[in-house]
Amino acid sequence: MRHDYILTLSCPDRTGIVYRVSALLFESACNILDAQQFGDEETERFFLRIHFDVPASLDIATLESRVAALAHEFAMDWKIHDARKRARLLLLVSKHGHCLNDLLFRVRSGQLPVDIAAVASNHEDFAELAASHRVPFRHLPVSSATRDAQEASIVELVDKQHVDLVVLARYMQILSPRLCATLAGRAINIHHSFLPSFKGAKPYHQAHQRGVKVIGATAHYVTSDLDEGPIIEQDVARVDHGATPRDLVRIGSDVESLVLARAVRWHVEHRVLLNGHRTVVFR
């Protein structure tokens, strides 16, 4: 009996990193199933993701202590993830449900191997949709006077439900710097890629008025810099002069759903490593 794990790490780039990590796994009787690496010449940092399995005779804590010793030598930021552990997600949504619906279907159909702990919203529009997928729904209304209490409820939900990742599936509320810090590295947002050109309400209508020829979406980690967190995934679709505002909304919704689903999958598969304000994504 063997169990598979994923090691992710980043450190200052130097010779011998792959050799030393591979040798450690070999000496621990581990079998490498897949490995990807990247050396960034600009930041002079090295990034590595190794998927490997471990014999039943090896305690994972023992392996972690061996990796810790090597990590100290190379000044590594590292983590070993249980590849078979299903991530628990909290989905936040407001009044646009296309991304929520897409994620719920992917999970229910087995396309996305995660567990959805709950859906939470500042509106009640998608309570029935969540119920149809047998997912708990929490109505968390918010106003300027109740924002702190509402965000405290989100944090409480994350803690009590052991949530690994919060997904802002078109959640149209600005998170406070405090909540952004609490969820650092474990919250993903999706938005159209017109920013900063077309801000505010009805961005697709604004884009139509300007005659845009390309529309797209961006999925990124949430930070206190609004819509400027490290980008995980982007995609675009071409449109022409015949596209109506309704067409742009429909096409944009499809792109947003696909981009968010990719970003969530790559995150829960531990394929995304932070590189300053950018990301390294091992696909």
C-alpha atoms as a PDB file:
ATOM      1  CA  MET A   1       0.000   0.000   0.000  1.00  0.00           C
ATOM      2  CA  ARG A   2       1.319   3.410  -1.017  1.00  0.00           C
ATOM      3  CA  HIS A   3      -0.081   6.917  -0.645  1.00  0.00           C
ATOM      4  CA  ASP A   4       0.658   9.858  -2.926  1.00  0.00           C
ATOM      5  CA  TYR A   5       1.658  13.370  -1.935  1.00  0.00           C
ATOM      6  CA  ILE A   6       2.674  16.601  -3.664  1.00  0.00           C
ATOM      7  CA  LEU A   7       5.742  18.611  -2.676  1.00  0.00           C
ATOM      8  CA  THR A   8       5.794  22.263  -3.728  1.00  0.00           C
ATOM      9  CA  LEU A   9       8.717  24.560  -3.072  1.00  0.00           C
ATOM     10  CA  SER A  10      10.419  27.757  -4.068  1.00  0.00           C
ATOM     11  CA  CYS A  11      13.851  29.042  -3.124  1.00  0.00           C
ATOM     12  CA  PRO A  12      16.790  31.092  -4.389  1.00  0.00           C
ATOM     13  CA  ASP A  13      17.996  29.444  -7.576  1.00  0.00           C
ATOM     14  CA  ARG A  14      21.242  27.496  -7.403  1.00  0.00           C
ATOM     15  CA  THR A  15      22.666  24.262  -8.744  1.00  0.00           C
ATOM     16  CA  GLY A  16      21.789  20.924  -7.226  1.00  0.00           C
ATOM     17  CA  ILE A  17      18.221  21.569  -6.045  1.00  0.00           C
ATOM     18  CA  VAL A  18      16.513  18.928  -8.186  1.00  0.00           C
ATOM     19  CA  TYR A  19      19.305  16.439  -7.525  1.00  0.00           C
ATOM     20  CA  ARG A  20      19.126  16.857  -3.744  1.00  0.00           C
ATOM     21  CA  VAL A  21      15.314  16.698  -3.578  1.00  0.00           C
ATOM     22  CA  SER A  22      15.164  13.676  -5.886  1.00  0.00           C
ATOM     23  CA  ALA A  23      17.887  11.922  -3.911  1.00  0.00           C
ATOM     24  CA  LEU A  24      16.033  12.546  -0.646  1.00  0.00           C
ATOM     25  CA  LEU A  25      12.861  11.004  -2.071  1.00  0.00           C
ATOM     26  CA  PHE A  26      14.783   8.062  -3.492  1.00  0.00           C
ATOM     27  CA  GLU A  27      16.542   7.393  -0.198  1.00  0.00           C
ATOM     28  CA  SER A  28      13.126   7.489   1.498  1.00  0.00           C
ATOM     29  CA  ALA A  29      11.826   4.810  -0.920  1.00  0.00           C
ATOM     30  CA  CYS A  30       9.431   7.291  -2.533  1.00  0.00           C
ATOM     31  CA  ASN A  31       8.503   7.022  -6.200  1.00  0.00           C
ATOM     32  CA  ILE A  32       8.274  10.189  -8.293  1.00  0.00           C
ATOM     33  CA  LEU A  33       5.139  10.159 -10.454  1.00  0.00           C
ATOM     34  CA  ASP A  34       5.434  13.605 -12.016  1.00  0.00           C
ATOM     35  CA  ALA A  35       7.755  16.594 -11.679  1.00  0.00           C
ATOM     36  CA  GLN A  36       7.748  20.145 -13.028  1.00  0.00           C
ATOM     37  CA  GLN A  37      10.245  22.929 -12.452  1.00  0.00           C
ATOM     38  CA  PHE A  38      10.889  26.534 -13.391  1.00  0.00           C
ATOM     39  CA  GLY A  39      13.778  28.907 -12.803  1.00  0.00           C
ATOM     40  CA  ASP A  40      12.883  32.599 -13.016  1.00  0.00           C
ATOM     41  CA  GLU A  41      15.828  34.618 -14.306  1.00  0.00           C
ATOM     42  CA  GLU A  42      14.246  37.900 -13.183  1.00  0.00           C
ATOM     43  CA  THR A  43      13.643  37.000  -9.539  1.00  0.00           C
ATOM     44  CA  GLU A  44      16.438  34.385  -9.436  1.00  0.00           C
ATOM     45  CA  ARG A  45      14.060  31.974  -7.722  1.00  0.00           C
ATOM     46  CA  PHE A  46      13.471  28.317  -8.459  1.00  0.00           C
ATOM     47  CA  PHE A  47      10.077  26.608  -8.334  1.00  0.00           C
ATOM     48  CA  LEU A  48       9.384  22.888  -8.129  1.00  0.00           C
ATOM     49  CA  ARG A  49       6.306  20.649  -7.929  1.00  0.00           C
ATOM     50  CA  ILE A  50       6.793  16.915  -7.436  1.00  0.00           C
ATOM     51  CA  HIS A  51       3.969  14.380  -7.265  1.00  0.00           C
ATOM     52  CA  PHE A  52       5.220  11.212  -5.573  1.00  0.00           C
ATOM     53  CA  ASP A  53       4.006   8.228  -3.623  1.00  0.00           C
ATOM     54  CA  VAL A  54       5.194   7.003  -0.246  1.00  0.00           C
ATOM     55  CA  PRO A  55       5.484   3.418   1.000  1.00  0.00           C
ATOM     56  CA  ALA A  56       3.221   2.442   3.877  1.00  0.00           C
ATOM     57  CA  SER A  57       6.287   1.827   6.015  1.00  0.00           C
ATOM     58  CA  LEU A  58       7.281   5.516   5.902  1.00  0.00           C
ATOM     59  CA  ASP A  59       5.561   7.902   8.276  1.00  0.00           C
ATOM     60  CA  ILE A  60       4.837  11.226   6.542  1.00  0.00           C
ATOM     61  CA  ALA A  61       6.069  13.143   9.603  1.00  0.00           C
ATOM     62  CA  THR A  62       9.448  11.454   9.188  1.00  0.00           C
ATOM     63  CA  LEU A  63       9.610  12.515   5.562  1.00  0.00           C
ATOM     64  CA  GLU A  64       8.614  16.070   6.473  1.00  0.00           C
ATOM     65  CA  SER A  65      11.453  16.277   9.001  1.00  0.00           C
ATOM     66  CA  ARG A  66      13.922  15.174   6.317  1.00  0.00           C
ATOM     67  CA  VAL A  67      12.582  17.745   3.861  1.00  0.00           C
ATOM     68  CA  ALA A  68      12.717  20.426   6.577  1.00  0.00           C
ATOM     69  CA  ALA A  69      16.430  19.833   7.057  1.00  0.00           C
ATOM     70  CA  LEU A  70      17.070  20.164   3.333  1.00  0.00           C
ATOM     71  CA  ALA A  71      14.793  23.192   3.115  1.00  0.00           C
ATOM     72  CA  HIS A  72      16.834  24.967   5.776  1.00  0.00           C
ATOM     73  CA  GLU A  73      19.998  24.441   3.752  1.00  0.00           C
ATOM     74  CA  PHE A  74      18.447  25.864   0.578  1.00  0.00           C
ATOM     75  CA  ALA A  75      16.208  28.535   2.216  1.00  0.00           C
ATOM     76  CA  MET A  76      13.117  26.900   0.760  1.00  0.00           C
ATOM     77  CA  ASP A  77       9.480  27.832   1.161  1.00  0.00           C
ATOM     78  CA  TRP A  78       7.875  24.413   0.960  1.00  0.00           C
ATOM     79  CA  LYS A  79       4.894  22.276   1.783  1.00  0.00           C
ATOM     80  CA  ILE A  80       3.864  18.648   1.412  1.00  0.00           C
ATOM     81  CA  HIS A  81       0.224  18.175   0.433  1.00  0.00           C
ATOM     82  CA  ASP A  82      -1.874  15.031   0.696  1.00  0.00           C
ATOM     83  CA  ALA A  83      -2.824  14.430  -2.950  1.00  0.00           C
ATOM     84  CA  ARG A  84      -5.913  12.433  -1.998  1.00  0.00           C
ATOM     85  CA  LYS A  85      -7.365  15.011   0.375  1.00  0.00           C
ATOM     86  CA  ARG A  86     -10.340  16.768  -1.182  1.00  0.00           C
ATOM     87  CA  ALA A  87     -10.273  20.523  -0.711  1.00  0.00           C
ATOM     88  CA  ARG A  88     -13.270  22.128   0.982  1.00  0.00           C
ATOM     89  CA  LEU A  89     -14.638  25.232  -0.732  1.00  0.00           C
ATOM     90  CA  LEU A  90     -16.828  28.122   0.352  1.00  0.00           C
ATOM     91  CA  LEU A  91     -18.505  29.791  -2.628  1.00  0.00           C
ATOM     92  CA  LEU A  92     -19.493  33.452  -2.304  1.00  0.00           C
ATOM     93  CA  VAL A  93     -21.977  34.889  -4.807  1.00  0.00           C
ATOM     94  CA  SER A  94     -24.242  37.896  -5.272  1.00  0.00           C
ATOM     95  CA  LYS A  95     -26.783  38.202  -8.111  1.00  0.00           C
ATOM     96  CA  HIS A  96     -24.893  36.739 -11.099  1.00  0.00           C
ATOM     97  CA  GLY A  97     -25.022  32.958 -10.836  1.00  0.00           C
ATOM     98  CA  HIS A  98     -23.258  31.626 -13.936  1.00  0.00           C
ATOM     99  CA  CYS A  99     -19.942  30.889 -12.186  1.00  0.00           C
ATOM    100  CA  LEU A 100     -21.734  29.394  -9.177  1.00  0.00           C
ATOM    101  CA  ASN A 101     -23.880  27.170 -11.373  1.00  0.00           C
ATOM    102  CA  ASP A 102     -20.838  26.026 -13.354  1.00  0.00           C
ATOM    103  CA  LEU A 103     -18.845  25.092 -10.249  1.00  0.00           C
ATOM    104  CA  LEU A 104     -21.783  23.288  -8.639  1.00  0.00           C
ATOM    105  CA  PHE A 105     -22.286  21.211 -11.783  1.00  0.00           C
ATOM    106  CA  ARG A 106     -18.593  20.377 -12.127  1.00  0.00           C
ATOM    107  CA  VAL A 107     -18.485  19.152  -8.543  1.00  0.00           C
ATOM    108  CA  ARG A 108     -21.724  17.184  -8.741  1.00  0.00           C
ATOM    109  CA  SER A 109     -20.712  15.526 -12.029  1.00  0.00           C
ATOM    110  CA  GLY A 110     -17.304  14.554 -10.653  1.00  0.00           C
ATOM    111  CA  GLN A 111     -15.346  16.836 -12.972  1.00  0.00           C
ATOM    112  CA  LEU A 112     -13.930  18.860 -10.082  1.00  0.00           C
ATOM    113  CA  PRO A 113     -12.816  16.712  -7.123  1.00  0.00           C
ATOM    114  CA  VAL A 114     -13.638  19.053  -4.239  1.00  0.00           C
ATOM    115  CA  ASP A 115     -16.296  19.311  -1.543  1.00  0.00           C
ATOM    116  CA  ILE A 116     -18.400  22.460  -1.299  1.00  0.00           C
ATOM    117  CA  ALA A 117     -18.865  23.248   2.374  1.00  0.00           C
ATOM    118  CA  ALA A 118     -21.423  25.985   1.716  1.00  0.00           C
ATOM    119  CA  VAL A 119     -22.666  28.715  -0.578  1.00  0.00           C
ATOM    120  CA  ALA A 120     -22.956  32.143   1.049  1.00  0.00           C
ATOM    121  CA  SER A 121     -24.496  35.254  -0.438  1.00  0.00           C
ATOM    122  CA  ASN A 122     -25.582  38.755   0.441  1.00  0.00           C
ATOM    123  CA  HIS A 123     -28.792  37.954  -1.465  1.00  0.00           C
ATOM    124  CA  GLU A 124     -31.175  34.994  -1.376  1.00  0.00           C
ATOM    125  CA  ASP A 125     -31.466  34.506  -5.144  1.00  0.00           C
ATOM    126  CA  PHE A 126     -29.533  31.218  -5.320  1.00  0.00           C
ATOM    127  CA  ALA A 127     -30.776  29.449  -2.208  1.00  0.00           C
ATOM    128  CA  GLU A 128     -32.840  27.040  -4.308  1.00  0.00           C
ATOM    129  CA  LEU A 129     -29.944  26.369  -6.677  1.00  0.00           C
ATOM    130  CA  ALA A 130     -27.681  25.450  -3.754  1.00  0.00           C
ATOM    131  CA  ALA A 131     -30.413  23.263  -2.263  1.00  0.00           C
ATOM    132  CA  SER A 132     -30.832  21.408  -5.568  1.00  0.00           C
ATOM    133  CA  HIS A 133     -27.175  20.385  -5.264  1.00  0.00           C
ATOM    134  CA  ARG A 134     -27.610  19.513  -1.577  1.00  0.00           C
ATOM    135  CA  VAL A 135     -25.210  22.274  -0.561  1.00  0.00           C
ATOM    136  CA  PRO A 136     -25.905  24.383   2.569  1.00  0.00           C
ATOM    137  CA  PHE A 137     -26.818  28.001   1.818  1.00  0.00           C
ATOM    138  CA  ARG A 138     -26.105  30.936   4.132  1.00  0.00           C
ATOM    139  CA  HIS A 139     -27.764  34.298   3.606  1.00  0.00           C
ATOM    140  CA  LEU A 140     -25.360  36.971   4.859  1.00  0.00           C
ATOM    141  CA  PRO A 141     -26.871  40.387   4.031  1.00  0.00           C
ATOM    142  CA  VAL A 142     -24.496  43.313   4.253  1.00  0.00           C
ATOM    143  CA  SER A 143     -24.633  47.084   4.539  1.00  0.00           C
ATOM    144  CA  SER A 144     -22.111  49.731   5.456  1.00  0.00           C
ATOM    145  CA  ALA A 145     -23.280  49.461   9.061  1.00  0.00           C
ATOM    146  CA  THR A 146     -23.069  45.657   9.232  1.00  0.00           C
ATOM    147  CA  ARG A 147     -19.997  44.953   7.075  1.00  0.00           C
ATOM    148  CA  ASP A 148     -17.688  44.057   9.967  1.00  0.00           C
ATOM    149  CA  ALA A 149     -20.220  41.650  11.482  1.00  0.00           C
ATOM    150  CA  GLN A 150     -20.979  40.113   8.091  1.00  0.00           C
ATOM    151  CA  GLU A 151     -17.305  39.511   7.360  1.00  0.00           C
ATOM    152  CA  ALA A 152     -16.905  38.014  10.836  1.00  0.00           C
ATOM    153  CA  SER A 153     -19.655  35.563   9.875  1.00  0.00           C
ATOM    154  CA  ILE A 154     -17.707  34.609   6.748  1.00  0.00           C
ATOM    155  CA  VAL A 155     -14.564  33.966   8.800  1.00  0.00           C
ATOM    156  CA  GLU A 156     -16.577  31.930  11.303  1.00  0.00           C
ATOM    157  CA  LEU A 157     -17.996  29.853   8.458  1.00  0.00           C
ATOM    158  CA  VAL A 158     -14.490  29.286   7.060  1.00  0.00           C
ATOM    159  CA  ASP A 159     -13.199  28.160  10.446  1.00  0.00           C
ATOM    160  CA  LYS A 160     -16.117  25.969  11.481  1.00  0.00           C
ATOM    161  CA  GLN A 161     -16.395  24.262   8.094  1.00  0.00           C
ATOM    162  CA  HIS A 162     -12.619  23.787   7.753  1.00  0.00           C
ATOM    163  CA  VAL A 163     -12.640  25.609   4.421  1.00  0.00           C
ATOM    164  CA  ASP A 164      -9.464  25.390   2.353  1.00  0.00           C
ATOM    165  CA  LEU A 165     -10.434  27.838  -0.400  1.00  0.00           C
ATOM    166  CA  VAL A 166     -12.914  30.701  -0.645  1.00  0.00           C
ATOM    167  CA  VAL A 167     -14.147  31.325  -4.194  1.00  0.00           C
ATOM    168  CA  LEU A 168     -15.685  34.672  -5.066  1.00  0.00           C
ATOM    169  CA  ALA A 169     -17.984  33.388  -7.815  1.00  0.00           C
ATOM    170  CA  ARG A 170     -19.118  36.880  -8.861  1.00  0.00           C
ATOM    171  CA  TYR A 171     -19.424  38.118  -5.289  1.00  0.00           C
ATOM    172  CA  MET A 172     -19.950  41.819  -5.821  1.00  0.00           C
ATOM    173  CA  GLN A 173     -18.675  43.086  -2.484  1.00  0.00           C
ATOM    174  CA  ILE A 174     -15.278  44.611  -1.746  1.00  0.00           C
ATOM    175  CA  LEU A 175     -13.533  42.658   1.001  1.00  0.00           C
ATOM    176  CA  SER A 176     -11.934  44.663   3.788  1.00  0.00           C
ATOM    177  CA  PRO A 177      -8.134  44.645   4.118  1.00  0.00           C
ATOM    178  CA  ARG A 178      -8.572  42.637   7.333  1.00  0.00           C
ATOM    179  CA  LEU A 179     -10.546  39.889   5.591  1.00  0.00           C
ATOM    180  CA  CYS A 180      -8.125  39.910   2.655  1.00  0.00           C
ATOM    181  CA  ALA A 181      -5.265  39.327   5.091  1.00  0.00           C
ATOM    182  CA  THR A 182      -7.165  36.543   6.853  1.00  0.00           C
ATOM    183  CA  LEU A 183      -7.800  34.764   3.540  1.00  0.00           C
ATOM    184  CA  ALA A 184      -4.403  35.509   1.974  1.00  0.00           C
ATOM    185  CA  GLY A 185      -3.444  32.805  -0.504  1.00  0.00           C
ATOM    186  CA  ARG A 186      -6.745  30.951  -0.114  1.00  0.00           C
ATOM    187  CA  ALA A 187      -9.294  33.190  -1.824  1.00  0.00           C
ATOM    188  CA  ILE A 188      -9.808  33.453  -5.595  1.00  0.00           C
ATOM    189  CA  ASN A 189     -11.805  36.111  -7.436  1.00  0.00           C
ATOM    190  CA  ILE A 190     -13.091  36.297 -11.016  1.00  0.00           C
ATOM    191  CA  HIS A 191     -13.884  39.406 -13.016  1.00  0.00           C
ATOM    192  CA  HIS A 192     -14.067  40.597 -16.590  1.00  0.00           C
ATOM    193  CA  SER A 193     -10.784  41.740 -18.109  1.00  0.00           C
ATOM    194  CA  PHE A 194     -11.975  45.215 -19.112  1.00  0.00           C
ATOM    195  CA  LEU A 195     -10.600  46.691 -15.913  1.00  0.00           C
ATOM    196  CA  PRO A 196      -9.538  49.393 -15.393  1.00  0.00           C
ATOM    197  CA  SER A 197     -11.212  50.702 -18.569  1.00  0.00           C
ATOM    198  CA  PHE A 198     -14.847  49.894 -17.791  1.00  0.00           C
ATOM    199  CA  LYS A 199     -15.567  50.111 -14.094  1.00  0.00           C
ATOM    200  CA  GLY A 200     -18.861  50.009 -12.251  1.00  0.00           C
ATOM    201  CA  ALA A 201     -22.227  48.777 -13.455  1.00  0.00           C
ATOM    202  CA  LYS A 202     -22.851  47.091 -16.815  1.00  0.00           C
ATOM    203  CA  PRO A 203     -19.232  46.828 -18.022  1.00  0.00           C
ATOM    204  CA  TYR A 204     -20.272  44.809 -21.086  1.00  0.00           C
ATOM    205  CA  HIS A 205     -22.648  47.561 -22.123  1.00  0.00           C
ATOM    206  CA  GLN A 206     -19.837  50.077 -21.725  1.00  0.00           C
ATOM    207  CA  ALA A 207     -17.574  47.841 -23.806  1.00  0.00           C
ATOM    208  CA  HIS A 208     -20.235  47.584 -26.512  1.00  0.00           C
ATOM    209  CA  GLN A 209     -20.479  51.353 -26.701  1.00  0.00           C
ATOM    210  CA  ARG A 210     -16.712  51.518 -27.226  1.00  0.00           C
ATOM    211  CA  GLY A 211     -16.805  48.838 -29.920  1.00  0.00           C
ATOM    212  CA  VAL A 212     -14.410  46.382 -28.300  1.00  0.00           C
ATOM    213  CA  LYS A 213     -13.296  43.391 -30.364  1.00  0.00           C
ATOM    214  CA  VAL A 214     -11.938  41.177 -27.566  1.00  0.00           C
ATOM    215  CA  ILE A 215     -13.553  40.353 -24.230  1.00  0.00           C
ATOM    216  CA  GLY A 216     -12.102  38.202 -21.494  1.00  0.00           C
ATOM    217  CA  ALA A 217     -11.867  37.242 -17.843  1.00  0.00           C
ATOM    218  CA  THR A 218      -9.214  37.139 -15.135  1.00  0.00           C
ATOM    219  CA  ALA A 219      -9.007  34.856 -12.097  1.00  0.00           C
ATOM    220  CA  HIS A 220      -6.629  35.998  -9.374  1.00  0.00           C
ATOM    221  CA  TYR A 221      -5.875  35.692  -5.693  1.00  0.00           C
ATOM    222  CA  VAL A 222      -7.678  38.201  -3.502  1.00  0.00           C
ATOM    223  CA  THR A 223      -5.567  40.974  -1.973  1.00  0.00           C
ATOM    224  CA  SER A 224      -6.314  44.351  -0.476  1.00  0.00           C
ATOM    225  CA  ASP A 225      -5.385  45.872  -3.867  1.00  0.00           C
ATOM    226  CA  LEU A 226      -8.793  45.667  -5.530  1.00  0.00           C
ATOM    227  CA  ASP A 227      -8.777  43.326  -8.551  1.00  0.00           C
ATOM    228  CA  GLU A 228      -4.969  43.434  -8.698  1.00  0.00           C
ATOM    229  CA  GLY A 229      -3.973  40.228  -6.917  1.00  0.00           C
ATOM    230  CA  PRO A 230      -1.577  37.670  -8.454  1.00  0.00           C
ATOM    231  CA  ILE A 231      -3.165  36.369 -11.670  1.00  0.00           C
ATOM    232  CA  ILE A 232      -3.794  32.626 -11.954  1.00  0.00           C
ATOM    233  CA  GLU A 233      -5.599  32.355 -15.304  1.00  0.00           C
ATOM    234  CA  GLN A 234      -7.004  34.493 -18.113  1.00  0.00           C
ATOM    235  CA  ASP A 235      -8.788  33.870 -21.382  1.00  0.00           C
ATOM    236  CA  VAL A 236     -10.387  35.893 -24.164  1.00  0.00           C
ATOM    237  CA  ALA A 237     -13.039  35.594 -26.863  1.00  0.00           C
ATOM    238  CA  ARG A 238     -13.250  37.656 -30.036  1.00  0.00           C
ATOM    239  CA  VAL A 239     -16.414  39.554 -30.889  1.00  0.00           C
ATOM    240  CA  ASP A 240     -17.358  41.761 -33.831  1.00  0.00           C
ATOM    241  CA  HIS A 241     -19.537  44.715 -34.720  1.00  0.00           C
ATOM    242  CA  GLY A 242     -22.657  42.556 -34.835  1.00  0.00           C
ATOM    243  CA  ALA A 243     -22.506  41.536 -31.175  1.00  0.00           C
ATOM    244  CA  THR A 244     -25.154  43.126 -28.981  1.00  0.00           C
ATOM    245  CA  PRO A 245     -24.656  43.940 -25.295  1.00  0.00           C
ATOM    246  CA  ARG A 246     -26.633  40.787 -24.495  1.00  0.00           C
ATOM    247  CA  ASP A 247     -24.254  38.766 -26.705  1.00  0.00           C
ATOM    248  CA  LEU A 248     -21.265  40.210 -24.869  1.00  0.00           C
ATOM    249  CA  VAL A 249     -22.769  39.335 -21.497  1.00  0.00           C
ATOM    250  CA  ARG A 250     -23.458  35.760 -22.651  1.00  0.00           C
ATOM    251  CA  ILE A 251     -20.001  35.241 -24.135  1.00  0.00           C
ATOM    252  CA  GLY A 252     -18.334  36.927 -21.181  1.00  0.00           C
ATOM    253  CA  SER A 253     -20.229  34.731 -18.736  1.00  0.00           C
ATOM    254  CA  ASP A 254     -18.959  31.615 -20.512  1.00  0.00           C
ATOM    255  CA  VAL A 255     -15.362  32.862 -20.408  1.00  0.00           C
ATOM    256  CA  GLU A 256     -15.635  33.838 -16.739  1.00  0.00           C
ATOM    257  CA  SER A 257     -16.999  30.412 -15.794  1.00  0.00           C
ATOM    258  CA  LEU A 258     -14.243  28.556 -17.640  1.00  0.00           C
ATOM    259  CA  VAL A 259     -11.421  30.743 -16.334  1.00  0.00           C
ATOM    260  CA  LEU A 260     -12.610  30.446 -12.738  1.00  0.00           C
ATOM    261  CA  ALA A 261     -12.997  26.665 -12.989  1.00  0.00           C
ATOM    262  CA  ARG A 262      -9.435  26.342 -14.287  1.00  0.00           C
ATOM    263  CA  ALA A 263      -8.049  28.549 -11.530  1.00  0.00           C
ATOM    264  CA  VAL A 264      -9.870  26.599  -8.826  1.00  0.00           C
ATOM    265  CA  ARG A 265      -8.693  23.262 -10.221  1.00  0.00           C
ATOM    266  CA  TRP A 266      -5.071  24.365 -10.454  1.00  0.00           C
ATOM    267  CA  HIS A 267      -5.154  25.738  -6.924  1.00  0.00           C
ATOM    268  CA  VAL A 268      -6.637  22.620  -5.320  1.00  0.00           C
ATOM    269  CA  GLU A 269      -4.174  20.459  -7.272  1.00  0.00           C
ATOM    270  CA  HIS A 270      -1.351  22.573  -5.793  1.00  0.00           C
ATOM    271  CA  ARG A 271      -0.170  23.749  -9.194  1.00  0.00           C
ATOM    272  CA  VAL A 272       0.029  27.460  -8.345  1.00  0.00           C
ATOM    273  CA  LEU A 273       3.071  28.936  -6.607  1.00  0.00           C
ATOM    274  CA  LEU A 274       3.423  32.607  -5.758  1.00  0.00           C
ATOM    275  CA  ASN A 275       6.304  34.463  -7.359  1.00  0.00           C
ATOM    276  CA  GLY A 276       6.123  37.905  -5.811  1.00  0.00           C
ATOM    277  CA  HIS A 277       3.128  39.625  -7.413  1.00  0.00           C
ATOM    278  CA  ARG A 278       2.985  36.956 -10.110  1.00  0.00           C
ATOM    279  CA  THR A 279       2.320  33.231 -10.124  1.00  0.00           C
ATOM    280  CA  VAL A 280       3.976  30.122 -11.478  1.00  0.00           C
ATOM    281  CA  VAL A 281       1.305  27.707 -12.715  1.00  0.00           C
ATOM    282  CA  PHE A 282       2.387  24.115 -13.421  1.00  0.00           C
ATOM    283  CA  ARG A 283      -0.347  22.850 -15.739  1.00  0.00           C
END
